[in-house]
Amino acid sequence: MKFLFVIDPIKNINPEKDSSAALMQATYKKNIDVWICTPQDLEARGDEVWASCIQVEPSPWINLVDSKCIQLANFSCIWMRKDPPVDEGYLYATHLLEVAERKGVKVINKPSSLRAWNEKLGALRYSHLMAPTIVASKVNDLINFAKINEDVVIKPLGGKGGQGVIRLNKDSPGSKAIIQLITSQEQLPVMMQKFIPEVKDGDKRIIIVNGEPLGSINRIPQEGDFRSNLAMGGKAEKTTLSNEENIICLELSKHLKEEGLFFVGIDVINGMLSEINVTSPTGLREIEKLSNKNISEEVINKLLNVIH
């Protein structure tokens, strides 16, 4: 059995922190061959897609075994784990992976759903679970929303890891100029949400696998920042799911399974859904360190049950 991981260049991956590394190592422990490539290594020849890929032994970290060009139909599973942005190159890669999917290969997450579920906009399907939210490009509409809600955050729709997220209140100087800048002079929509002050107590990342929550961490913002993302210096702490959070997971479960979103990371602040991360959700390493459980192996076990 062979698994292919479509990832960023391997030199950019920190095995101590990266969830893709954890999944690759858990796969290898199951005596499954692990191959890697980047989106740029995919190519179509007629109705067959191939990858110029490298076989690796990810234990303790990367040992190169072999390299060759292989038809994607020869893999049992393909993990699309390229980090955002979801740009043209990313989208074209999902189309190529879809060809392999039609040949019967399990692609995680489902390519069409990766295109359809923007990590900010996807959550709007469950707006009743969210803080007050607007997505718009018109400056006046965004300013009016900010005045009504008094304290807001603005998120670029293509951002990741807290990059470009701005907090404004009704008295912030230069609000109009800031909104003009972040919307590229009203050419790009952004998401604006009512600020949740309880974020100081944490932003919970919950990993959902085949519709079931497998683990979670609470991310605490560092002093002087409201962003709790680990990439922005947030601190991970051990946590359990509240009743509200279990209800959120239950409501999302059926829809995520139907859409082929096998491996998902949702963000919840004070019992309110914030984002649904589907491209390359992170947090496995931190969950494992804090819980002393090998969540990655549980993920692969669930995947093998689905494939078989």
C-alpha atoms as a PDB file:
ATOM      1  CA  MET A   1       0.000   0.000   0.000  1.00  0.00           C
ATOM      2  CA  LYS A   2       1.269   3.473  -0.901  1.00  0.00           C
ATOM      3  CA  PHE A   3       0.205   6.912   0.360  1.00  0.00           C
ATOM      4  CA  LEU A   4       1.164  10.157  -1.364  1.00  0.00           C
ATOM      5  CA  PHE A   5       1.424  13.403   0.590  1.00  0.00           C
ATOM      6  CA  VAL A   6       1.164  16.547  -1.552  1.00  0.00           C
ATOM      7  CA  ILE A   7       2.934  19.094   0.620  1.00  0.00           C
ATOM      8  CA  ASP A   8       5.100  22.185   0.651  1.00  0.00           C
ATOM      9  CA  PRO A   9       8.822  21.605   0.020  1.00  0.00           C
ATOM     10  CA  ILE A  10      10.041  19.152   2.644  1.00  0.00           C
ATOM     11  CA  LYS A  11      12.817  21.524   3.760  1.00  0.00           C
ATOM     12  CA  ASN A  12      10.098  23.929   4.969  1.00  0.00           C
ATOM     13  CA  ILE A  13       8.509  21.367   7.296  1.00  0.00           C
ATOM     14  CA  ASN A  14       9.439  21.271  10.983  1.00  0.00           C
ATOM     15  CA  PRO A  15       8.818  17.679  12.123  1.00  0.00           C
ATOM     16  CA  GLU A  16       8.535  18.763  15.764  1.00  0.00           C
ATOM     17  CA  LYS A  17       5.512  20.940  15.054  1.00  0.00           C
ATOM     18  CA  ASP A  18       4.021  19.935  11.714  1.00  0.00           C
ATOM     19  CA  SER A  19       0.833  17.872  11.500  1.00  0.00           C
ATOM     20  CA  SER A  20       1.779  16.560   8.048  1.00  0.00           C
ATOM     21  CA  ALA A  21       4.971  15.133   9.562  1.00  0.00           C
ATOM     22  CA  ALA A  22       2.915  13.462  12.308  1.00  0.00           C
ATOM     23  CA  LEU A  23       0.573  11.904   9.741  1.00  0.00           C
ATOM     24  CA  MET A  24       3.465  10.707   7.573  1.00  0.00           C
ATOM     25  CA  GLN A  25       5.149   9.050  10.556  1.00  0.00           C
ATOM     26  CA  ALA A  26       1.903   7.401  11.678  1.00  0.00           C
ATOM     27  CA  THR A  27       1.404   6.094   8.127  1.00  0.00           C
ATOM     28  CA  TYR A  28       4.940   4.679   8.028  1.00  0.00           C
ATOM     29  CA  LYS A  29       4.373   2.850  11.330  1.00  0.00           C
ATOM     30  CA  LYS A  30       1.536   0.958   9.599  1.00  0.00           C
ATOM     31  CA  ASN A  31       4.070  -0.399   7.070  1.00  0.00           C
ATOM     32  CA  ILE A  32       2.568   1.780   4.352  1.00  0.00           C
ATOM     33  CA  ASP A  33       4.990   3.282   1.828  1.00  0.00           C
ATOM     34  CA  VAL A  34       5.153   7.069   2.179  1.00  0.00           C
ATOM     35  CA  TRP A  35       5.727   9.199  -0.895  1.00  0.00           C
ATOM     36  CA  ILE A  36       5.857  12.998  -1.111  1.00  0.00           C
ATOM     37  CA  CYS A  37       5.582  15.630  -3.822  1.00  0.00           C
ATOM     38  CA  THR A  38       4.603  19.263  -4.252  1.00  0.00           C
ATOM     39  CA  PRO A  39       1.657  20.499  -6.352  1.00  0.00           C
ATOM     40  CA  GLN A  40       4.148  21.510  -9.037  1.00  0.00           C
ATOM     41  CA  ASP A  41       5.171  17.833  -9.408  1.00  0.00           C
ATOM     42  CA  LEU A  42       1.725  16.817 -10.707  1.00  0.00           C
ATOM     43  CA  GLU A  43       1.164  16.440 -14.437  1.00  0.00           C
ATOM     44  CA  ALA A  44      -1.580  15.062 -16.682  1.00  0.00           C
ATOM     45  CA  ARG A  45      -0.875  12.818 -19.642  1.00  0.00           C
ATOM     46  CA  GLY A  46      -4.173  12.324 -21.352  1.00  0.00           C
ATOM     47  CA  ASP A  47      -6.618  11.064 -18.739  1.00  0.00           C
ATOM     48  CA  GLU A  48      -3.874   9.904 -16.365  1.00  0.00           C
ATOM     49  CA  VAL A  49      -2.206  12.095 -13.756  1.00  0.00           C
ATOM     50  CA  TRP A  50       1.345  11.385 -12.679  1.00  0.00           C
ATOM     51  CA  ALA A  51       3.551  12.737  -9.912  1.00  0.00           C
ATOM     52  CA  SER A  52       7.313  13.141  -9.839  1.00  0.00           C
ATOM     53  CA  CYS A  53       7.588  11.993  -6.251  1.00  0.00           C
ATOM     54  CA  ILE A  54      10.028  10.796  -3.642  1.00  0.00           C
ATOM     55  CA  GLN A  55       9.642   7.780  -1.374  1.00  0.00           C
ATOM     56  CA  VAL A  56      10.721   8.590   2.166  1.00  0.00           C
ATOM     57  CA  GLU A  57      11.166   6.923   5.528  1.00  0.00           C
ATOM     58  CA  PRO A  58       9.941   9.618   7.950  1.00  0.00           C
ATOM     59  CA  SER A  59      11.491   8.055  11.054  1.00  0.00           C
ATOM     60  CA  PRO A  60      12.853   9.781  13.018  1.00  0.00           C
ATOM     61  CA  TRP A  61      12.642  12.186  10.104  1.00  0.00           C
ATOM     62  CA  ILE A  62      13.170  12.169   6.377  1.00  0.00           C
ATOM     63  CA  ASN A  63      15.370   9.495   4.861  1.00  0.00           C
ATOM     64  CA  LEU A  64      15.136   9.466   1.058  1.00  0.00           C
ATOM     65  CA  VAL A  65      14.565   5.983  -0.372  1.00  0.00           C
ATOM     66  CA  ASP A  66      13.628   6.364  -4.035  1.00  0.00           C
ATOM     67  CA  SER A  67      12.342   8.855  -6.586  1.00  0.00           C
ATOM     68  CA  LYS A  68      10.292   8.201  -9.691  1.00  0.00           C
ATOM     69  CA  CYS A  69       7.306   9.345 -11.697  1.00  0.00           C
ATOM     70  CA  ILE A  70       4.204   7.366 -10.660  1.00  0.00           C
ATOM     71  CA  GLN A  71       0.608   7.335 -11.844  1.00  0.00           C
ATOM     72  CA  LEU A  72      -1.619   8.660  -9.076  1.00  0.00           C
ATOM     73  CA  ALA A  73      -3.966   5.717  -9.654  1.00  0.00           C
ATOM     74  CA  ASN A  74      -1.268   3.503  -8.076  1.00  0.00           C
ATOM     75  CA  PHE A  75      -1.721   5.137  -4.676  1.00  0.00           C
ATOM     76  CA  SER A  76      -4.301   3.932  -2.145  1.00  0.00           C
ATOM     77  CA  CYS A  77      -4.643   7.424  -0.657  1.00  0.00           C
ATOM     78  CA  ILE A  78      -3.473  10.938  -1.480  1.00  0.00           C
ATOM     79  CA  TRP A  79      -3.273  13.596   1.232  1.00  0.00           C
ATOM     80  CA  MET A  80      -3.527  17.157  -0.092  1.00  0.00           C
ATOM     81  CA  ARG A  81      -1.640  18.989   2.659  1.00  0.00           C
ATOM     82  CA  LYS A  82      -0.311  22.058   0.855  1.00  0.00           C
ATOM     83  CA  ASP A  83      -0.605  25.114   3.086  1.00  0.00           C
ATOM     84  CA  PRO A  84      -2.657  28.140   1.961  1.00  0.00           C
ATOM     85  CA  PRO A  85      -2.896  30.435   0.107  1.00  0.00           C
ATOM     86  CA  VAL A  86      -5.472  28.729  -2.068  1.00  0.00           C
ATOM     87  CA  ASP A  87      -4.136  30.361  -5.200  1.00  0.00           C
ATOM     88  CA  GLU A  88      -4.277  29.382  -8.879  1.00  0.00           C
ATOM     89  CA  GLY A  89      -1.581  26.744  -8.444  1.00  0.00           C
ATOM     90  CA  TYR A  90      -3.450  25.185  -5.527  1.00  0.00           C
ATOM     91  CA  LEU A  91      -6.756  25.144  -7.411  1.00  0.00           C
ATOM     92  CA  TYR A  92      -5.232  23.578 -10.518  1.00  0.00           C
ATOM     93  CA  ALA A  93      -3.673  20.880  -8.319  1.00  0.00           C
ATOM     94  CA  THR A  94      -7.118  19.999  -6.940  1.00  0.00           C
ATOM     95  CA  HIS A  95      -8.385  19.553 -10.494  1.00  0.00           C
ATOM     96  CA  LEU A  96      -5.523  17.163 -11.260  1.00  0.00           C
ATOM     97  CA  LEU A  97      -6.155  15.242  -8.036  1.00  0.00           C
ATOM     98  CA  GLU A  98      -9.791  14.958  -9.050  1.00  0.00           C
ATOM     99  CA  VAL A  99      -8.693  12.909 -12.068  1.00  0.00           C
ATOM    100  CA  ALA A 100      -7.069  10.409  -9.675  1.00  0.00           C
ATOM    101  CA  GLU A 101     -10.206  10.453  -7.537  1.00  0.00           C
ATOM    102  CA  ARG A 102     -12.248   9.393 -10.577  1.00  0.00           C
ATOM    103  CA  LYS A 103      -9.866   6.437 -10.923  1.00  0.00           C
ATOM    104  CA  GLY A 104     -10.859   5.309  -7.440  1.00  0.00           C
ATOM    105  CA  VAL A 105      -8.103   6.868  -5.327  1.00  0.00           C
ATOM    106  CA  LYS A 106      -9.119   8.274  -1.922  1.00  0.00           C
ATOM    107  CA  VAL A 107      -8.090  11.950  -1.845  1.00  0.00           C
ATOM    108  CA  ILE A 108      -8.123  13.784   1.481  1.00  0.00           C
ATOM    109  CA  ASN A 109      -9.689  16.172   1.629  1.00  0.00           C
ATOM    110  CA  LYS A 110     -12.019  15.790  -1.367  1.00  0.00           C
ATOM    111  CA  PRO A 111     -10.693  18.122  -4.115  1.00  0.00           C
ATOM    112  CA  SER A 112     -14.052  19.671  -4.999  1.00  0.00           C
ATOM    113  CA  SER A 113     -14.695  20.426  -1.330  1.00  0.00           C
ATOM    114  CA  LEU A 114     -11.271  22.029  -0.944  1.00  0.00           C
ATOM    115  CA  ARG A 115     -12.367  24.429  -3.672  1.00  0.00           C
ATOM    116  CA  ALA A 116     -15.854  24.980  -2.255  1.00  0.00           C
ATOM    117  CA  TRP A 117     -14.999  25.415   1.438  1.00  0.00           C
ATOM    118  CA  ASN A 118     -13.064  28.613   1.900  1.00  0.00           C
ATOM    119  CA  GLU A 119     -11.808  28.413   5.471  1.00  0.00           C
ATOM    120  CA  LYS A 120     -13.552  31.633   6.449  1.00  0.00           C
ATOM    121  CA  LEU A 121     -16.631  31.507   4.212  1.00  0.00           C
ATOM    122  CA  GLY A 122     -17.318  27.817   4.841  1.00  0.00           C
ATOM    123  CA  ALA A 123     -18.333  28.625   8.396  1.00  0.00           C
ATOM    124  CA  LEU A 124     -21.165  30.844   7.107  1.00  0.00           C
ATOM    125  CA  ARG A 125     -23.154  27.652   6.486  1.00  0.00           C
ATOM    126  CA  TYR A 126     -23.484  27.638  10.276  1.00  0.00           C
ATOM    127  CA  SER A 127     -23.880  31.370  10.868  1.00  0.00           C
ATOM    128  CA  HIS A 128     -26.288  30.705  13.745  1.00  0.00           C
ATOM    129  CA  LEU A 129     -23.302  29.224  15.608  1.00  0.00           C
ATOM    130  CA  MET A 130     -21.082  32.254  14.970  1.00  0.00           C
ATOM    131  CA  ALA A 131     -20.580  35.731  16.358  1.00  0.00           C
ATOM    132  CA  PRO A 132     -22.260  38.501  14.286  1.00  0.00           C
ATOM    133  CA  THR A 133     -20.474  38.484  10.916  1.00  0.00           C
ATOM    134  CA  ILE A 134     -20.422  40.384   7.641  1.00  0.00           C
ATOM    135  CA  VAL A 135     -18.493  39.619   4.457  1.00  0.00           C
ATOM    136  CA  ALA A 136     -18.247  42.651   2.200  1.00  0.00           C
ATOM    137  CA  SER A 137     -15.933  44.834   0.166  1.00  0.00           C
ATOM    138  CA  LYS A 138     -17.844  48.127   0.493  1.00  0.00           C
ATOM    139  CA  VAL A 139     -16.149  50.412   3.006  1.00  0.00           C
ATOM    140  CA  ASN A 140     -19.349  52.072   4.232  1.00  0.00           C
ATOM    141  CA  ASP A 141     -21.052  48.729   4.907  1.00  0.00           C
ATOM    142  CA  LEU A 142     -18.072  47.530   6.908  1.00  0.00           C
ATOM    143  CA  ILE A 143     -17.804  50.799   8.849  1.00  0.00           C
ATOM    144  CA  ASN A 144     -21.523  50.658   9.693  1.00  0.00           C
ATOM    145  CA  PHE A 145     -21.120  47.082  10.945  1.00  0.00           C
ATOM    146  CA  ALA A 146     -18.165  48.152  13.073  1.00  0.00           C
ATOM    147  CA  LYS A 147     -20.167  51.032  14.577  1.00  0.00           C
ATOM    148  CA  ILE A 148     -23.082  48.748  15.459  1.00  0.00           C
ATOM    149  CA  ASN A 149     -20.855  46.083  17.037  1.00  0.00           C
ATOM    150  CA  GLU A 150     -18.371  48.594  18.532  1.00  0.00           C
ATOM    151  CA  ASP A 151     -15.379  46.202  18.624  1.00  0.00           C
ATOM    152  CA  VAL A 152     -14.573  44.004  15.599  1.00  0.00           C
ATOM    153  CA  VAL A 153     -11.899  41.942  13.903  1.00  0.00           C
ATOM    154  CA  ILE A 154     -11.234  41.947  10.149  1.00  0.00           C
ATOM    155  CA  LYS A 155      -9.966  38.785   8.462  1.00  0.00           C
ATOM    156  CA  PRO A 156      -8.620  38.465   4.908  1.00  0.00           C
ATOM    157  CA  LEU A 157     -10.488  35.572   3.267  1.00  0.00           C
ATOM    158  CA  GLY A 158      -7.277  33.975   2.021  1.00  0.00           C
ATOM    159  CA  GLY A 159      -5.227  34.377   5.176  1.00  0.00           C
ATOM    160  CA  LYS A 160      -3.776  31.710   7.450  1.00  0.00           C
ATOM    161  CA  GLY A 161      -2.347  31.486  10.932  1.00  0.00           C
ATOM    162  CA  GLY A 162      -3.714  34.869  12.000  1.00  0.00           C
ATOM    163  CA  GLN A 163      -1.848  36.743   9.257  1.00  0.00           C
ATOM    164  CA  GLY A 164      -3.453  40.053   8.338  1.00  0.00           C
ATOM    165  CA  VAL A 165      -6.117  39.897  11.061  1.00  0.00           C
ATOM    166  CA  ILE A 166      -6.858  43.382  12.433  1.00  0.00           C
ATOM    167  CA  ARG A 167      -8.880  44.548  15.419  1.00  0.00           C
ATOM    168  CA  LEU A 168     -10.818  47.827  15.263  1.00  0.00           C
ATOM    169  CA  ASN A 169     -13.238  49.562  17.587  1.00  0.00           C
ATOM    170  CA  LYS A 170     -15.688  52.357  16.899  1.00  0.00           C
ATOM    171  CA  ASP A 171     -13.141  54.940  18.015  1.00  0.00           C
ATOM    172  CA  SER A 172     -10.107  53.561  16.144  1.00  0.00           C
ATOM    173  CA  PRO A 173      -8.404  56.344  14.179  1.00  0.00           C
ATOM    174  CA  GLY A 174      -8.004  55.781  10.459  1.00  0.00           C
ATOM    175  CA  SER A 175     -10.596  52.991  10.278  1.00  0.00           C
ATOM    176  CA  LYS A 176     -11.717  54.022   6.812  1.00  0.00           C
ATOM    177  CA  ALA A 177      -8.167  54.022   5.444  1.00  0.00           C
ATOM    178  CA  ILE A 178      -7.450  50.643   7.025  1.00  0.00           C
ATOM    179  CA  ILE A 179     -10.574  49.100   5.496  1.00  0.00           C
ATOM    180  CA  GLN A 180      -9.764  50.643   2.117  1.00  0.00           C
ATOM    181  CA  LEU A 181      -6.316  49.088   2.313  1.00  0.00           C
ATOM    182  CA  ILE A 182      -7.417  45.602   3.364  1.00  0.00           C
ATOM    183  CA  THR A 183     -10.179  45.520   0.711  1.00  0.00           C
ATOM    184  CA  SER A 184      -7.779  46.787  -1.983  1.00  0.00           C
ATOM    185  CA  GLN A 185      -9.973  49.854  -2.502  1.00  0.00           C
ATOM    186  CA  GLU A 186     -13.229  47.880  -2.332  1.00  0.00           C
ATOM    187  CA  GLN A 187     -12.047  45.250  -4.824  1.00  0.00           C
ATOM    188  CA  LEU A 188     -11.770  42.321  -2.385  1.00  0.00           C
ATOM    189  CA  PRO A 189     -14.314  41.161   0.209  1.00  0.00           C
ATOM    190  CA  VAL A 190     -13.164  40.619   3.781  1.00  0.00           C
ATOM    191  CA  MET A 191     -14.786  39.028   6.801  1.00  0.00           C
ATOM    192  CA  MET A 192     -15.618  41.290   9.744  1.00  0.00           C
ATOM    193  CA  GLN A 193     -16.825  39.791  13.016  1.00  0.00           C
ATOM    194  CA  LYS A 194     -17.851  41.126  16.380  1.00  0.00           C
ATOM    195  CA  PHE A 195     -14.818  40.815  18.650  1.00  0.00           C
ATOM    196  CA  ILE A 196     -15.205  38.161  21.342  1.00  0.00           C
ATOM    197  CA  PRO A 197     -13.336  39.417  24.444  1.00  0.00           C
ATOM    198  CA  GLU A 198     -13.330  35.902  25.924  1.00  0.00           C
ATOM    199  CA  VAL A 199     -10.630  35.039  23.387  1.00  0.00           C
ATOM    200  CA  LYS A 200      -8.222  36.057  26.147  1.00  0.00           C
ATOM    201  CA  ASP A 201      -9.213  32.775  27.804  1.00  0.00           C
ATOM    202  CA  GLY A 202      -8.501  30.838  24.645  1.00  0.00           C
ATOM    203  CA  ASP A 203      -9.462  29.861  21.119  1.00  0.00           C
ATOM    204  CA  LYS A 204     -10.094  26.133  20.924  1.00  0.00           C
ATOM    205  CA  ARG A 205      -8.812  24.098  17.959  1.00  0.00           C
ATOM    206  CA  ILE A 206     -10.799  20.873  17.583  1.00  0.00           C
ATOM    207  CA  ILE A 207      -9.651  18.151  15.184  1.00  0.00           C
ATOM    208  CA  ILE A 208     -12.590  16.349  13.551  1.00  0.00           C
ATOM    209  CA  VAL A 209     -11.820  13.086  11.719  1.00  0.00           C
ATOM    210  CA  ASN A 210     -14.516  11.442   9.610  1.00  0.00           C
ATOM    211  CA  GLY A 211     -17.092  13.479  11.507  1.00  0.00           C
ATOM    212  CA  GLU A 212     -15.803  12.628  15.000  1.00  0.00           C
ATOM    213  CA  PRO A 213     -13.868  14.998  17.303  1.00  0.00           C
ATOM    214  CA  LEU A 214     -10.586  13.239  18.135  1.00  0.00           C
ATOM    215  CA  GLY A 215      -8.726  15.857  20.123  1.00  0.00           C
ATOM    216  CA  SER A 216      -8.449  19.531  20.992  1.00  0.00           C
ATOM    217  CA  ILE A 217      -6.199  22.225  22.408  1.00  0.00           C
ATOM    218  CA  ASN A 218      -6.927  25.636  23.853  1.00  0.00           C
ATOM    219  CA  ARG A 219      -4.749  28.380  22.367  1.00  0.00           C
ATOM    220  CA  ILE A 220      -4.042  31.377  24.605  1.00  0.00           C
ATOM    221  CA  PRO A 221      -2.931  34.673  22.988  1.00  0.00           C
ATOM    222  CA  GLN A 222       0.450  35.973  24.031  1.00  0.00           C
ATOM    223  CA  GLU A 223       0.618  39.132  26.114  1.00  0.00           C
ATOM    224  CA  GLY A 224      -0.353  42.227  24.125  1.00  0.00           C
ATOM    225  CA  ASP A 225      -2.030  40.343  21.251  1.00  0.00           C
ATOM    226  CA  PHE A 226      -5.588  39.161  20.678  1.00  0.00           C
ATOM    227  CA  ARG A 227      -4.623  36.500  18.111  1.00  0.00           C
ATOM    228  CA  SER A 228      -4.291  33.063  19.620  1.00  0.00           C
ATOM    229  CA  ASN A 229      -2.828  31.287  16.584  1.00  0.00           C
ATOM    230  CA  LEU A 230       0.216  29.187  17.466  1.00  0.00           C
ATOM    231  CA  ALA A 231       1.996  30.742  14.477  1.00  0.00           C
ATOM    232  CA  MET A 232       1.502  34.137  16.156  1.00  0.00           C
ATOM    233  CA  GLY A 233       2.920  33.038  19.488  1.00  0.00           C
ATOM    234  CA  GLY A 234      -0.226  31.593  21.060  1.00  0.00           C
ATOM    235  CA  LYS A 235       0.348  29.068  23.824  1.00  0.00           C
ATOM    236  CA  ALA A 236      -1.306  25.643  23.671  1.00  0.00           C
ATOM    237  CA  GLU A 237      -2.871  24.220  26.805  1.00  0.00           C
ATOM    238  CA  LYS A 238      -4.695  20.996  27.579  1.00  0.00           C
ATOM    239  CA  THR A 239      -8.475  21.136  27.363  1.00  0.00           C
ATOM    240  CA  THR A 240     -11.678  19.132  27.035  1.00  0.00           C
ATOM    241  CA  LEU A 241     -14.807  19.854  25.021  1.00  0.00           C
ATOM    242  CA  SER A 242     -17.720  21.673  26.601  1.00  0.00           C
ATOM    243  CA  ASN A 243     -21.329  20.692  25.966  1.00  0.00           C
ATOM    244  CA  GLU A 244     -21.657  23.625  23.515  1.00  0.00           C
ATOM    245  CA  GLU A 245     -18.581  22.494  21.609  1.00  0.00           C
ATOM    246  CA  ASN A 246     -19.824  18.917  21.380  1.00  0.00           C
ATOM    247  CA  ILE A 247     -23.113  20.228  19.968  1.00  0.00           C
ATOM    248  CA  ILE A 248     -21.200  22.235  17.334  1.00  0.00           C
ATOM    249  CA  CYS A 249     -19.177  19.159  16.341  1.00  0.00           C
ATOM    250  CA  LEU A 250     -22.333  17.068  16.133  1.00  0.00           C
ATOM    251  CA  GLU A 251     -24.055  19.613  13.903  1.00  0.00           C
ATOM    252  CA  LEU A 252     -21.082  19.765  11.533  1.00  0.00           C
ATOM    253  CA  SER A 253     -20.403  16.027  11.508  1.00  0.00           C
ATOM    254  CA  LYS A 254     -22.905  14.763   8.938  1.00  0.00           C
ATOM    255  CA  HIS A 255     -22.256  17.606   6.510  1.00  0.00           C
ATOM    256  CA  LEU A 256     -18.462  17.229   6.693  1.00  0.00           C
ATOM    257  CA  LYS A 257     -18.708  13.480   5.993  1.00  0.00           C
ATOM    258  CA  GLU A 258     -21.077  14.019   3.076  1.00  0.00           C
ATOM    259  CA  GLU A 259     -18.692  16.576   1.577  1.00  0.00           C
ATOM    260  CA  GLY A 260     -15.661  14.264   1.832  1.00  0.00           C
ATOM    261  CA  LEU A 261     -13.973  16.459   4.439  1.00  0.00           C
ATOM    262  CA  PHE A 262     -12.272  13.665   6.358  1.00  0.00           C
ATOM    263  CA  PHE A 263      -9.682  15.713   8.272  1.00  0.00           C
ATOM    264  CA  VAL A 264     -10.858  19.097   9.560  1.00  0.00           C
ATOM    265  CA  GLY A 265      -9.823  21.574  12.241  1.00  0.00           C
ATOM    266  CA  ILE A 266     -12.504  23.890  13.582  1.00  0.00           C
ATOM    267  CA  ASP A 267     -11.910  26.938  15.771  1.00  0.00           C
ATOM    268  CA  VAL A 268     -14.314  27.805  18.586  1.00  0.00           C
ATOM    269  CA  ILE A 269     -14.202  30.883  20.849  1.00  0.00           C
ATOM    270  CA  ASN A 270     -16.491  31.087  23.888  1.00  0.00           C
ATOM    271  CA  GLY A 271     -18.834  28.482  22.409  1.00  0.00           C
ATOM    272  CA  MET A 272     -19.028  30.204  19.006  1.00  0.00           C
ATOM    273  CA  LEU A 273     -17.715  28.780  15.747  1.00  0.00           C
ATOM    274  CA  SER A 274     -15.009  30.905  14.155  1.00  0.00           C
ATOM    275  CA  GLU A 275     -13.466  28.953  11.258  1.00  0.00           C
ATOM    276  CA  ILE A 276     -13.556  25.564   9.536  1.00  0.00           C
ATOM    277  CA  ASN A 277     -10.040  24.672   8.380  1.00  0.00           C
ATOM    278  CA  VAL A 278      -9.927  22.104   5.583  1.00  0.00           C
ATOM    279  CA  THR A 279      -6.711  22.652   3.590  1.00  0.00           C
ATOM    280  CA  SER A 280      -3.990  21.552   6.023  1.00  0.00           C
ATOM    281  CA  PRO A 281      -5.346  21.713   9.592  1.00  0.00           C
ATOM    282  CA  THR A 282      -2.682  21.859  12.294  1.00  0.00           C
ATOM    283  CA  GLY A 283      -2.538  21.083  15.997  1.00  0.00           C
ATOM    284  CA  LEU A 284      -1.816  17.334  16.063  1.00  0.00           C
ATOM    285  CA  ARG A 285       1.624  17.655  17.648  1.00  0.00           C
ATOM    286  CA  GLU A 286       0.370  19.952  20.420  1.00  0.00           C
ATOM    287  CA  ILE A 287      -2.652  17.746  21.129  1.00  0.00           C
ATOM    288  CA  GLU A 288      -0.425  14.671  21.352  1.00  0.00           C
ATOM    289  CA  LYS A 289       2.094  16.328  23.669  1.00  0.00           C
ATOM    290  CA  LEU A 290      -0.594  17.565  26.039  1.00  0.00           C
ATOM    291  CA  SER A 291      -2.789  14.452  26.022  1.00  0.00           C
ATOM    292  CA  ASN A 292      -0.075  11.773  25.806  1.00  0.00           C
ATOM    293  CA  LYS A 293      -2.171  10.108  23.101  1.00  0.00           C
ATOM    294  CA  ASN A 294      -1.057   9.251  19.574  1.00  0.00           C
ATOM    295  CA  ILE A 295      -3.893  10.999  17.761  1.00  0.00           C
ATOM    296  CA  SER A 296      -2.099  10.666  14.418  1.00  0.00           C
ATOM    297  CA  GLU A 297      -2.257   6.873  14.624  1.00  0.00           C
ATOM    298  CA  GLU A 298      -5.977   7.110  15.395  1.00  0.00           C
ATOM    299  CA  VAL A 299      -6.402   9.243  12.270  1.00  0.00           C
ATOM    300  CA  ILE A 300      -4.653   6.663  10.084  1.00  0.00           C
ATOM    301  CA  ASN A 301      -6.640   3.813  11.665  1.00  0.00           C
ATOM    302  CA  LYS A 302      -9.896   5.616  10.818  1.00  0.00           C
ATOM    303  CA  LEU A 303      -8.645   6.275   7.310  1.00  0.00           C
ATOM    304  CA  LEU A 304      -7.770   2.618   6.736  1.00  0.00           C
ATOM    305  CA  ASN A 305     -11.272   1.634   7.874  1.00  0.00           C
ATOM    306  CA  VAL A 306     -12.727   4.040   5.285  1.00  0.00           C
ATOM    307  CA  ILE A 307     -10.447   2.816   2.481  1.00  0.00           C
ATOM    308  CA  HIS A 308     -11.144  -0.855   3.186  1.00  0.00           C
END
